[in-house]
Amino acid sequence: MTVAQWRLDGGHIAALAGPLILTQFAQVALSTVGILMMGLLGPLDIAAGGLALAVFNLLRTMGVGLVTPTGNLVAAASARAGAGGLAAAGSEAEAEIRAMVRASFAIATLAGLLFCGLMLGAGPLLLWLGQDAVVVAKATAYLAAAAPGILPLLWFQVVRNFTVGLRRPGPLLAITIGSVALSAGLNLVLMYGAFGLPALGLAGIAWSSTLVQGCSLAVFLLVVRRDPLLARCLSLRWWRSDRGALLRCWKMGWPVAATYGSEAGFFAVVLLLVGAVSADALAAHTVVNQLVYIVFMISVGLSHAASISISKVWAQGDVHSARRYGHTGLAMGLACMALIGVVYCAVPTTILGLFLGQGVGVSAEAMALAAQLLTIAAVLQFFDCAQNIGIGILRGAGETGSSLWMTLIGYWGVGLPTAWLLGRHFGWGAGGVWIGLTLGLVATAGQLLLRFERLMRQRLARDGEGKMVLAP
C-alpha cells in the first residue's frame, strides 16, 4: 500500500472513528459518575451497587451485541444502492434499510423485555450464589429501578448504529456529554431528595440512569427526524417487522451478543481469581483494569469505523479495499496502543496516583502490584485492541459466527486455564493471572486476524480481481 493510499484510507476510517471514540469516552464518564456517587453513600452501597452493575452490565453488553450489526447491514444496503441510490424517496434501498431498522427495533424490544424480567428476578439467584442478604436487598432495589432503562438504552443503540451505518452519526457526542451532566444532577437530587422528592439512596442512582436513557433517546430521535434522509429510512414500527429482515438481523446479531457476553464473563472470572489472592491484589487489579477499559474505547471506535467501511465496499464486491481497510484500522489501533504503552512505562507512578493516590488505606504493596500489572497491561492492550478490531473487520465482511468460536477458544480454552495455573497453582498471584489473561487475548487476536486474511485470500483467489457476486 502506498503512502498516499494509507493516508486516504486512514482519513476515511478516522472521520468516522473520531466521533465514535469521543462518544465512547463520554459513556465511560457516564458510568463513572454513578460509581463516584455510590462512594458518597458508603461501603455497603458501593458493594451493592457493584453487584447490581455486574448483572446490569452483562445483560446490557449482550443486548448491545444483538443490535450492533444493524450498522453493517445498513451500510451494505446503502453501498449496493450506489451513488444517488438513496437520493430519491421510495427507493428499493430505502425500503431495505427501513426493514432492517424495524427488525433491529423488534429484537431490541424483545431482548429488553427479557432482560428487564431477569433483573427484576435476580434477587433469589444472587442469594443462591452466596451473596450477603443485606447487600442483595440493596442490589435488588437498584436493579428494579434500572430495569425499565434497558429498553430505551437498546433502542438508542439501534438508532446509533443506523446513523453510523449511513455515516451520519450527527450529535452523538453532544448528546452523550449532555447525559453525563444530567446524570450528575439527577443523581444528587434522587439520592438525597430535593424539590419535594424523597431521598432514594442507592436506588436513586438507578432511577437517574433510567431517566437519562429515556431523555437521550428522545433527543436523538428528534435530531434524526430533522434529517430528511434519516427520517425517511427510520421506522419505529417494530411490530410490523419483515420476517426475512428479522432473520438477517438475528443471524448476524446473536453471535455478536454471545461473543460480547463471553468476553464480559471471562473478565468477571478473572476478577474473581484476583480477588481470591488478596484485597491489595483486587485493588490493584481494579485500578489497572479500569485504565485498560478506558483505553479500550479507542479500539471500540476504530473497530466500528473499520467494520462499517468494510461493509460498504464488501457489498460492492471490492475485496481489495475491504482488505486495506482491515489492515489500516488494525495499524491505527496498534499505533495508538504503542503510544499509550510508552506513557505507561515512562510515568507509571503518576498514572496510578490518579486512582490510588497516597491517601489513607492505600498500601505500598497495592501500589507496587499495580505498577507490575500496568507493565503487563502495556503489552496486553496490543492484543486486546487487535482482537476487538478483528471481531469488527470480520463482521464487516458479514462473518460473525466464527468470531464467537474463536473467542471461546481464546478466552476460555487458553486464557482462563492459564490464568488459573499461573496465578493459583504456581502461586504467581495477580501477575500470573494477568499473564494468563494476556495469553488468552493473544490466542483470540491471532485466530481472528488469521481468519480475516484467509477470508480475503479466498475471495481474491475465487474472484480474480477482487470483485464478487453477492448472494441475494
Protein backbone atom coordinates (compact mmCIF):
# COMPACT_ATOMS: atom_id res chain seq x y z
CA MET A 1 0.00 0.00 0.00
CA THR A 2 1.37 3.41 -0.97
CA VAL A 3 1.70 6.29 1.48
CA ALA A 4 -0.99 8.19 -0.39
CA GLN A 5 -3.39 5.23 -0.16
CA TRP A 6 -2.57 4.78 3.51
CA ARG A 7 -3.41 8.42 4.20
CA LEU A 8 -6.64 8.17 2.20
CA ASP A 9 -7.83 5.00 3.95
CA GLY A 10 -6.71 6.25 7.35
CA GLY A 11 -8.56 9.51 6.87
CA HIS A 12 -11.70 7.65 5.80
CA ILE A 13 -11.66 5.49 8.93
CA ALA A 14 -10.64 8.34 11.25
CA ALA A 15 -13.51 10.54 10.04
CA LEU A 16 -15.99 8.06 11.50
CA ALA A 17 -13.84 6.66 14.31
CA GLY A 18 -13.05 10.07 15.86
CA PRO A 19 -16.61 10.94 16.95
CA LEU A 20 -17.23 7.33 17.99
CA ILE A 21 -14.11 7.22 20.20
CA LEU A 22 -15.04 10.50 21.87
CA THR A 23 -18.57 9.20 22.38
CA GLN A 24 -17.19 6.02 23.98
CA PHE A 25 -15.06 8.12 26.34
CA ALA A 26 -18.14 10.14 27.28
CA GLN A 27 -20.04 6.93 28.00
CA VAL A 28 -17.22 5.81 30.30
CA ALA A 29 -17.58 9.13 32.10
CA LEU A 30 -21.33 8.49 32.40
CA SER A 31 -20.82 5.14 34.13
CA THR A 32 -18.05 6.59 36.29
CA VAL A 33 -20.39 9.30 37.62
CA GLY A 34 -22.68 6.63 39.06
CA ILE A 35 -19.81 4.79 40.71
CA LEU A 36 -18.49 8.01 42.24
CA MET A 37 -21.95 8.79 43.60
CA MET A 38 -22.12 5.35 45.21
CA GLY A 39 -18.93 6.22 47.04
CA LEU A 40 -20.75 9.12 48.72
CA LEU A 41 -23.27 6.72 50.25
CA GLY A 42 -20.81 4.33 51.93
CA PRO A 43 -19.13 0.92 51.59
CA LEU A 44 -22.34 -1.12 51.78
CA ASP A 45 -23.89 0.83 48.92
CA ILE A 46 -20.71 0.50 46.87
CA ALA A 47 -20.79 -3.27 47.34
CA ALA A 48 -24.49 -3.50 46.47
CA GLY A 49 -24.14 -1.13 43.54
CA GLY A 50 -21.17 -3.05 42.20
CA LEU A 51 -23.09 -6.32 42.43
CA ALA A 52 -26.10 -4.82 40.66
CA LEU A 53 -23.92 -3.28 37.96
CA ALA A 54 -22.28 -6.64 37.30
CA VAL A 55 -25.72 -8.05 36.43
CA PHE A 56 -26.87 -4.97 34.51
CA ASN A 57 -23.66 -4.59 32.50
CA LEU A 58 -23.63 -8.24 31.42
CA LEU A 59 -27.19 -8.00 30.09
CA ARG A 60 -26.56 -4.58 28.54
CA THR A 61 -23.43 -5.82 26.77
CA MET A 62 -25.26 -8.77 25.25
CA GLY A 63 -28.17 -6.56 24.21
CA VAL A 64 -25.85 -4.08 22.51
CA GLY A 65 -24.21 -7.00 20.70
CA LEU A 66 -27.59 -8.10 19.31
CA VAL A 67 -28.14 -4.78 17.51
CA THR A 68 -24.54 -3.86 16.65
CA PRO A 69 -24.67 -5.50 13.17
CA THR A 70 -27.50 -3.12 12.22
CA GLY A 71 -24.85 -0.60 11.21
CA ASN A 72 -23.18 -3.13 8.91
CA LEU A 73 -26.46 -4.16 7.27
CA VAL A 74 -27.46 -0.53 6.72
CA ALA A 75 -24.03 0.33 5.30
CA ALA A 76 -24.19 -2.64 2.91
CA ALA A 77 -27.67 -1.70 1.68
CA SER A 78 -26.55 1.88 1.15
CA ALA A 79 -23.47 0.76 -0.79
CA ARG A 80 -25.46 -1.56 -3.06
CA ALA A 81 -27.72 1.37 -3.93
CA GLY A 82 -24.71 3.18 -5.37
CA ALA A 83 -24.25 6.92 -5.82
CA GLY A 84 -27.60 8.66 -5.53
CA GLY A 85 -29.41 5.44 -4.70
CA LEU A 86 -30.93 6.97 -1.57
CA ALA A 87 -31.42 10.42 -3.04
CA ALA A 88 -34.97 9.78 -4.26
CA ALA A 89 -37.74 8.91 -1.83
CA GLY A 90 -39.25 5.45 -2.16
CA SER A 91 -36.15 3.71 -3.49
CA GLU A 92 -35.57 -0.01 -3.04
CA ALA A 93 -32.50 0.65 -0.85
CA GLU A 94 -34.54 2.94 1.39
CA ALA A 95 -37.14 0.22 1.88
CA GLU A 96 -34.43 -2.33 2.68
CA ILE A 97 -32.83 -0.07 5.28
CA ARG A 98 -36.20 0.70 6.83
CA ALA A 99 -36.90 -3.02 7.11
CA MET A 100 -33.54 -3.64 8.81
CA VAL A 101 -34.13 -0.83 11.31
CA ARG A 102 -37.63 -2.12 12.14
CA ALA A 103 -36.24 -5.63 12.64
CA SER A 104 -33.47 -4.32 14.87
CA PHE A 105 -36.01 -2.42 16.97
CA ALA A 106 -38.06 -5.62 17.31
CA ILE A 107 -35.05 -7.61 18.50
CA ALA A 108 -34.05 -4.82 20.90
CA THR A 109 -37.59 -4.66 22.30
CA LEU A 110 -37.91 -8.40 22.88
CA ALA A 111 -34.42 -8.62 24.39
CA GLY A 112 -35.09 -5.57 26.56
CA LEU A 113 -38.29 -7.07 27.96
CA LEU A 114 -36.49 -10.36 28.68
CA PHE A 115 -33.58 -8.59 30.38
CA CYS A 116 -35.97 -6.41 32.37
CA GLY A 117 -37.62 -9.56 33.74
CA LEU A 118 -34.25 -11.10 34.58
CA MET A 119 -33.19 -8.01 36.53
CA LEU A 120 -36.45 -7.94 38.47
CA GLY A 121 -36.00 -11.59 39.43
CA ALA A 122 -32.25 -11.54 40.11
CA GLY A 123 -32.52 -11.40 43.92
CA PRO A 124 -33.04 -15.13 44.63
CA LEU A 125 -30.25 -16.08 42.24
CA LEU A 126 -27.80 -13.70 43.93
CA LEU A 127 -28.71 -15.19 47.32
CA TRP A 128 -28.25 -18.70 45.93
CA LEU A 129 -24.77 -17.67 44.75
CA GLY A 130 -23.87 -16.94 48.36
CA GLN A 131 -24.04 -13.14 48.38
CA ASP A 132 -24.78 -11.30 51.62
CA ALA A 133 -28.53 -10.85 52.19
CA VAL A 134 -28.27 -7.15 53.14
CA VAL A 135 -26.18 -6.41 50.04
CA VAL A 136 -28.60 -8.35 47.85
CA ALA A 137 -31.56 -6.39 49.23
CA LYS A 138 -29.96 -3.10 48.18
CA ALA A 139 -28.80 -4.55 44.85
CA THR A 140 -32.33 -5.79 44.15
CA ALA A 141 -33.75 -2.31 44.74
CA TYR A 142 -31.15 -0.88 42.35
CA LEU A 143 -31.96 -3.44 39.65
CA ALA A 144 -35.70 -2.81 40.00
CA ALA A 145 -35.12 0.88 39.27
CA ALA A 146 -32.60 0.22 36.49
CA ALA A 147 -34.70 -2.43 34.70
CA PRO A 148 -37.02 -0.02 32.80
CA GLY A 149 -33.95 1.79 31.45
CA ILE A 150 -32.72 -1.21 29.46
CA LEU A 151 -35.36 -0.65 26.76
CA PRO A 152 -34.52 2.98 25.88
CA LEU A 153 -30.83 2.07 26.16
CA LEU A 154 -31.14 -0.64 23.50
CA TRP A 155 -33.41 1.49 21.31
CA PHE A 156 -30.79 4.25 21.47
CA GLN A 157 -28.19 1.76 20.27
CA VAL A 158 -30.39 0.82 17.30
CA VAL A 159 -30.69 4.46 16.25
CA ARG A 160 -26.97 4.98 16.81
CA ASN A 161 -25.98 2.02 14.63
CA PHE A 162 -28.48 3.08 11.95
CA THR A 163 -26.99 6.59 11.72
CA VAL A 164 -23.41 5.31 11.85
CA GLY A 165 -24.19 2.85 9.06
CA LEU A 166 -25.14 5.80 6.86
CA ARG A 167 -22.07 7.72 8.12
CA ARG A 168 -24.33 10.41 9.62
CA PRO A 169 -23.83 9.99 13.39
CA GLY A 170 -24.80 13.60 13.99
CA PRO A 171 -24.70 14.87 17.57
CA LEU A 172 -23.93 11.54 19.25
CA LEU A 173 -21.07 13.07 21.21
CA ALA A 174 -23.03 16.13 22.29
CA ILE A 175 -25.96 14.01 23.46
CA THR A 176 -23.66 11.71 25.46
CA ILE A 177 -21.85 14.63 27.12
CA GLY A 178 -25.18 16.22 27.95
CA SER A 179 -26.33 12.97 29.51
CA VAL A 180 -23.27 12.98 31.81
CA ALA A 181 -24.20 16.41 33.19
CA LEU A 182 -27.87 15.47 33.51
CA SER A 183 -26.95 12.22 35.28
CA ALA A 184 -24.80 14.00 37.86
CA GLY A 185 -27.60 16.42 38.71
CA LEU A 186 -30.32 13.78 38.86
CA ASN A 187 -28.13 11.52 41.00
CA LEU A 188 -27.80 14.16 43.68
CA VAL A 189 -31.50 15.05 43.59
CA LEU A 190 -32.75 11.47 43.77
CA MET A 191 -30.09 10.18 46.17
CA TYR A 192 -30.60 12.84 48.83
CA GLY A 193 -34.07 14.13 47.97
CA ALA A 194 -34.90 17.65 46.73
CA PHE A 195 -37.74 19.63 45.17
CA GLY A 196 -40.25 17.63 47.14
CA LEU A 197 -38.84 14.26 46.07
CA PRO A 198 -37.91 11.63 48.68
CA ALA A 199 -34.32 10.52 49.30
CA LEU A 200 -33.96 7.21 47.43
CA GLY A 201 -30.31 6.46 48.24
CA LEU A 202 -28.71 3.86 46.01
CA ALA A 203 -31.95 3.26 44.09
CA GLY A 204 -31.93 6.96 43.20
CA ILE A 205 -28.78 6.43 41.12
CA ALA A 206 -30.55 3.70 39.16
CA TRP A 207 -33.65 5.84 38.61
CA SER A 208 -31.37 8.61 37.40
CA SER A 209 -29.83 6.24 34.86
CA THR A 210 -33.26 5.15 33.64
CA LEU A 211 -34.44 8.73 33.18
CA VAL A 212 -31.22 9.75 31.40
CA GLN A 213 -31.55 6.83 28.97
CA GLY A 214 -35.09 7.90 28.13
CA CYS A 215 -34.14 11.55 27.65
CA SER A 216 -31.13 10.66 25.49
CA LEU A 217 -33.30 8.52 23.21
CA ALA A 218 -35.95 11.25 22.89
CA VAL A 219 -33.37 13.91 21.96
CA PHE A 220 -31.61 11.62 19.47
CA LEU A 221 -34.91 10.76 17.76
CA LEU A 222 -35.81 14.46 17.48
CA VAL A 223 -32.46 15.17 15.81
CA VAL A 224 -32.78 12.23 13.42
CA ARG A 225 -36.29 13.32 12.42
CA ARG A 226 -34.85 16.66 11.26
CA ASP A 227 -32.51 14.97 8.78
CA PRO A 228 -34.54 14.29 5.60
CA LEU A 229 -32.62 11.14 4.60
CA LEU A 230 -32.54 9.63 8.10
CA ALA A 231 -36.19 10.47 8.69
CA ARG A 232 -37.21 8.60 5.50
CA CYS A 233 -35.21 5.50 6.41
CA LEU A 234 -36.15 5.34 10.10
CA SER A 235 -39.13 3.27 11.15
CA LEU A 236 -40.09 2.63 14.77
CA ARG A 237 -42.95 0.24 13.93
CA TRP A 238 -41.13 -2.83 15.13
CA TRP A 239 -44.34 -4.88 15.33
CA ARG A 240 -44.52 -4.68 11.51
CA SER A 241 -41.10 -6.24 11.02
CA ASP A 242 -40.50 -8.35 7.94
CA ARG A 243 -39.62 -11.98 8.71
CA GLY A 244 -36.69 -12.02 6.29
CA ALA A 245 -35.18 -8.87 7.81
CA LEU A 246 -35.66 -10.30 11.30
CA LEU A 247 -33.79 -13.45 10.34
CA ARG A 248 -30.92 -11.48 8.79
CA CYS A 249 -30.55 -9.24 11.86
CA TRP A 250 -30.81 -12.19 14.25
CA LYS A 251 -28.38 -14.33 12.26
CA MET A 252 -25.70 -11.61 12.47
CA GLY A 253 -26.62 -10.34 15.93
CA TRP A 254 -26.78 -13.39 18.18
CA PRO A 255 -23.12 -14.45 17.65
CA VAL A 256 -22.01 -10.87 18.41
CA ALA A 257 -24.12 -10.86 21.59
CA ALA A 258 -22.69 -14.24 22.61
CA THR A 259 -19.16 -13.03 21.87
CA TYR A 260 -19.62 -9.89 23.96
CA GLY A 261 -21.18 -11.93 26.77
CA SER A 262 -18.33 -14.44 26.66
CA GLU A 263 -15.77 -11.67 26.95
CA ALA A 264 -17.61 -9.98 29.82
CA GLY A 265 -17.92 -13.31 31.64
CA PHE A 266 -14.23 -14.06 31.08
CA PHE A 267 -13.14 -10.78 32.64
CA ALA A 268 -15.56 -11.32 35.54
CA VAL A 269 -14.00 -14.70 36.32
CA VAL A 270 -10.53 -13.17 36.09
CA LEU A 271 -11.62 -10.62 38.70
CA LEU A 272 -12.72 -13.46 40.99
CA LEU A 273 -9.33 -15.17 40.56
CA VAL A 274 -7.50 -11.98 41.52
CA GLY A 275 -9.88 -11.30 44.40
CA ALA A 276 -9.00 -14.68 45.87
CA VAL A 277 -5.34 -13.60 46.11
CA SER A 278 -5.71 -10.62 48.47
CA ALA A 279 -7.51 -7.32 48.98
CA ASP A 280 -4.42 -5.43 47.75
CA ALA A 281 -4.36 -7.55 44.61
CA LEU A 282 -8.03 -6.79 43.97
CA ALA A 283 -7.45 -3.07 44.47
CA ALA A 284 -4.50 -3.09 42.05
CA HIS A 285 -6.47 -5.14 39.52
CA THR A 286 -9.48 -2.80 39.72
CA VAL A 287 -7.38 0.29 39.02
CA VAL A 288 -5.33 -1.13 36.14
CA ASN A 289 -8.36 -2.87 34.65
CA GLN A 290 -10.17 0.49 34.60
CA LEU A 291 -7.22 2.02 32.76
CA VAL A 292 -7.33 -0.80 30.21
CA TYR A 293 -11.08 -0.29 29.86
CA ILE A 294 -10.68 3.43 29.19
CA VAL A 295 -8.00 2.82 26.55
CA PHE A 296 -10.18 0.05 25.08
CA MET A 297 -12.64 2.73 23.94
CA ILE A 298 -10.14 3.69 21.22
CA SER A 299 -10.26 0.13 19.93
CA VAL A 300 -14.06 0.12 20.02
CA GLY A 301 -14.30 3.29 17.92
CA LEU A 302 -11.76 2.07 15.37
CA SER A 303 -13.38 -1.36 15.24
CA HIS A 304 -16.81 0.09 14.42
CA ALA A 305 -15.39 2.52 11.86
CA ALA A 306 -13.32 -0.14 10.07
CA SER A 307 -16.27 -2.54 10.19
CA ILE A 308 -18.68 -0.07 8.58
CA SER A 309 -16.09 0.91 5.96
CA ILE A 310 -15.56 -2.75 5.04
CA SER A 311 -19.31 -3.43 4.86
CA LYS A 312 -19.76 -0.73 2.22
CA VAL A 313 -17.01 -1.94 -0.13
CA TRP A 314 -17.72 -5.62 0.58
CA ALA A 315 -21.30 -5.13 -0.59
CA GLN A 316 -19.91 -3.72 -3.85
CA GLY A 317 -17.57 -6.69 -4.32
CA ASP A 318 -14.39 -4.67 -3.73
CA VAL A 319 -12.31 -7.17 -1.76
CA HIS A 320 -9.05 -5.24 -2.22
CA SER A 321 -10.47 -2.19 -0.44
CA ALA A 322 -12.02 -4.34 2.28
CA ARG A 323 -8.64 -5.89 2.99
CA ARG A 324 -6.92 -2.49 3.03
CA TYR A 325 -9.47 -1.06 5.45
CA GLY A 326 -8.92 -4.03 7.76
CA HIS A 327 -5.14 -3.58 7.72
CA THR A 328 -5.42 0.19 8.12
CA GLY A 329 -7.81 0.00 11.08
CA LEU A 330 -5.55 -2.53 12.79
CA ALA A 331 -2.42 -0.45 12.18
CA MET A 332 -4.10 2.68 13.55
CA GLY A 333 -5.16 0.81 16.68
CA LEU A 334 -1.75 -0.71 17.34
CA ALA A 335 -0.06 2.67 16.82
CA CYS A 336 -2.32 4.19 19.49
CA MET A 337 -1.59 1.31 21.86
CA ALA A 338 2.16 1.75 21.35
CA LEU A 339 1.96 5.43 22.23
CA ILE A 340 -0.08 4.76 25.35
CA GLY A 341 2.26 1.90 26.34
CA VAL A 342 5.21 4.31 26.26
CA VAL A 343 3.34 6.61 28.64
CA TYR A 344 2.60 3.69 30.97
CA CYS A 345 6.27 2.79 31.16
CA ALA A 346 7.51 6.37 31.42
CA VAL A 347 5.34 7.68 34.27
CA PRO A 348 3.61 4.70 35.97
CA THR A 349 3.52 6.30 39.42
CA THR A 350 1.88 9.45 38.10
CA ILE A 351 -0.80 7.48 36.26
CA LEU A 352 -1.57 5.15 39.17
CA GLY A 353 -1.55 8.07 41.59
CA LEU A 354 -4.61 9.47 39.84
CA PHE A 355 -6.55 6.44 41.05
CA LEU A 356 -4.77 5.09 44.13
CA GLY A 357 -3.19 8.31 45.31
CA GLN A 358 -1.30 8.37 48.55
CA GLY A 359 -4.30 8.57 50.81
CA VAL A 360 -5.31 6.62 53.86
CA GLY A 361 -5.80 2.91 53.27
CA VAL A 362 -3.57 2.69 50.21
CA SER A 363 -0.81 0.21 50.95
CA ALA A 364 2.64 0.21 49.42
CA GLU A 365 2.01 -3.37 48.32
CA ALA A 366 -1.09 -2.35 46.37
CA MET A 367 0.81 0.44 44.63
CA ALA A 368 3.75 -1.86 43.78
CA LEU A 369 1.45 -4.57 42.47
CA ALA A 370 -0.48 -2.05 40.39
CA ALA A 371 2.79 -0.90 38.82
CA GLN A 372 3.58 -4.52 37.93
CA LEU A 373 0.16 -5.03 36.38
CA LEU A 374 0.48 -1.76 34.47
CA THR A 375 3.64 -3.08 32.81
CA ILE A 376 1.76 -6.21 31.76
CA ALA A 377 -1.11 -4.01 30.57
CA ALA A 378 1.25 -2.16 28.23
CA VAL A 379 1.65 -5.46 26.35
CA LEU A 380 -1.88 -6.80 26.93
CA GLN A 381 -3.58 -3.79 25.32
CA PHE A 382 -1.96 -4.53 21.93
CA PHE A 383 -3.76 -7.87 21.76
CA ASP A 384 -6.93 -6.55 23.38
CA CYS A 385 -7.07 -3.93 20.61
CA ALA A 386 -6.21 -6.47 17.90
CA GLN A 387 -8.93 -8.92 18.95
CA ASN A 388 -11.59 -6.21 19.12
CA ILE A 389 -10.70 -4.85 15.69
CA GLY A 390 -10.52 -8.44 14.42
CA ILE A 391 -14.12 -9.02 15.51
CA GLY A 392 -15.17 -5.77 13.82
CA ILE A 393 -13.48 -6.34 10.46
CA LEU A 394 -14.84 -9.89 10.23
CA ARG A 395 -18.30 -8.53 11.00
CA GLY A 396 -17.79 -6.02 8.18
CA ALA A 397 -17.34 -8.97 5.81
CA GLY A 398 -20.57 -10.49 7.10
CA GLU A 399 -18.94 -13.12 9.31
CA THR A 400 -19.86 -13.29 12.99
CA GLY A 401 -20.27 -16.98 13.79
CA SER A 402 -16.58 -17.86 13.52
CA SER A 403 -15.69 -14.94 15.80
CA LEU A 404 -17.76 -16.48 18.58
CA TRP A 405 -15.99 -19.84 18.46
CA MET A 406 -12.56 -18.24 18.21
CA THR A 407 -13.19 -16.05 21.26
CA LEU A 408 -14.49 -19.04 23.22
CA ILE A 409 -11.29 -20.92 22.42
CA GLY A 410 -9.07 -17.93 23.19
CA TYR A 411 -10.79 -16.71 26.36
CA TRP A 412 -11.99 -19.92 27.96
CA GLY A 413 -9.77 -22.55 26.34
CA VAL A 414 -6.44 -20.73 26.65
CA GLY A 415 -6.79 -17.62 28.82
CA LEU A 416 -8.73 -18.88 31.83
CA PRO A 417 -6.84 -22.18 32.39
CA THR A 418 -3.50 -20.37 32.02
CA ALA A 419 -4.58 -17.61 34.39
CA TRP A 420 -5.58 -20.22 36.99
CA LEU A 421 -2.39 -22.23 36.58
CA LEU A 422 -0.05 -19.26 36.80
CA GLY A 423 -1.99 -17.29 39.39
CA ARG A 424 -3.18 -20.01 41.76
CA HIS A 425 -1.42 -23.32 41.03
CA PHE A 426 2.10 -21.90 40.58
CA GLY A 427 1.50 -19.09 43.06
CA TRP A 428 2.37 -16.15 40.80
CA GLY A 429 -0.57 -14.20 42.20
CA ALA A 430 -2.25 -11.35 40.33
CA GLY A 431 0.69 -11.03 37.94
CA GLY A 432 0.26 -14.66 36.88
CA VAL A 433 -3.46 -14.16 36.36
CA TRP A 434 -2.77 -11.17 34.13
CA ILE A 435 -0.18 -13.09 32.11
CA GLY A 436 -2.82 -15.76 31.53
CA LEU A 437 -5.29 -13.04 30.56
CA THR A 438 -2.77 -11.67 28.06
CA LEU A 439 -2.14 -15.10 26.53
CA GLY A 440 -5.89 -15.58 26.13
CA LEU A 441 -6.10 -12.31 24.21
CA VAL A 442 -3.07 -13.31 22.11
CA ALA A 443 -4.78 -16.57 21.11
CA THR A 444 -8.03 -14.78 20.34
CA ALA A 445 -6.45 -11.99 18.29
CA GLY A 446 -4.29 -14.43 16.35
CA GLN A 447 -7.25 -16.59 15.33
CA LEU A 448 -9.40 -13.63 14.28
CA LEU A 449 -6.74 -11.90 12.20
CA LEU A 450 -5.67 -15.12 10.52
CA ARG A 451 -9.31 -15.83 9.67
CA PHE A 452 -9.67 -12.34 8.15
CA GLU A 453 -6.58 -12.88 5.99
CA ARG A 454 -7.75 -16.33 4.94
CA LEU A 455 -11.19 -14.99 4.04
CA MET A 456 -9.71 -12.16 1.95
CA ARG A 457 -7.36 -14.51 0.10
CA GLN A 458 -10.13 -17.00 -0.60
CA ARG A 459 -12.33 -14.31 -2.12
CA LEU A 460 -9.46 -12.84 -4.14
CA ALA A 461 -8.49 -16.27 -5.45
CA ARG A 462 -12.10 -17.08 -6.35
CA ASP A 463 -12.98 -13.75 -7.93
CA GLY A 464 -9.67 -12.87 -9.56
CA GLU A 465 -9.84 -9.08 -9.50
CA GLY A 466 -11.45 -8.94 -6.10
CA LYS A 467 -14.98 -8.46 -7.36
CA MET A 468 -17.59 -10.87 -6.10
CA VAL A 469 -21.20 -11.59 -6.84
CA LEU A 470 -23.23 -11.44 -3.65
CA ALA A 471 -25.93 -13.95 -2.96
CA PRO A 472 -29.38 -12.39 -2.73
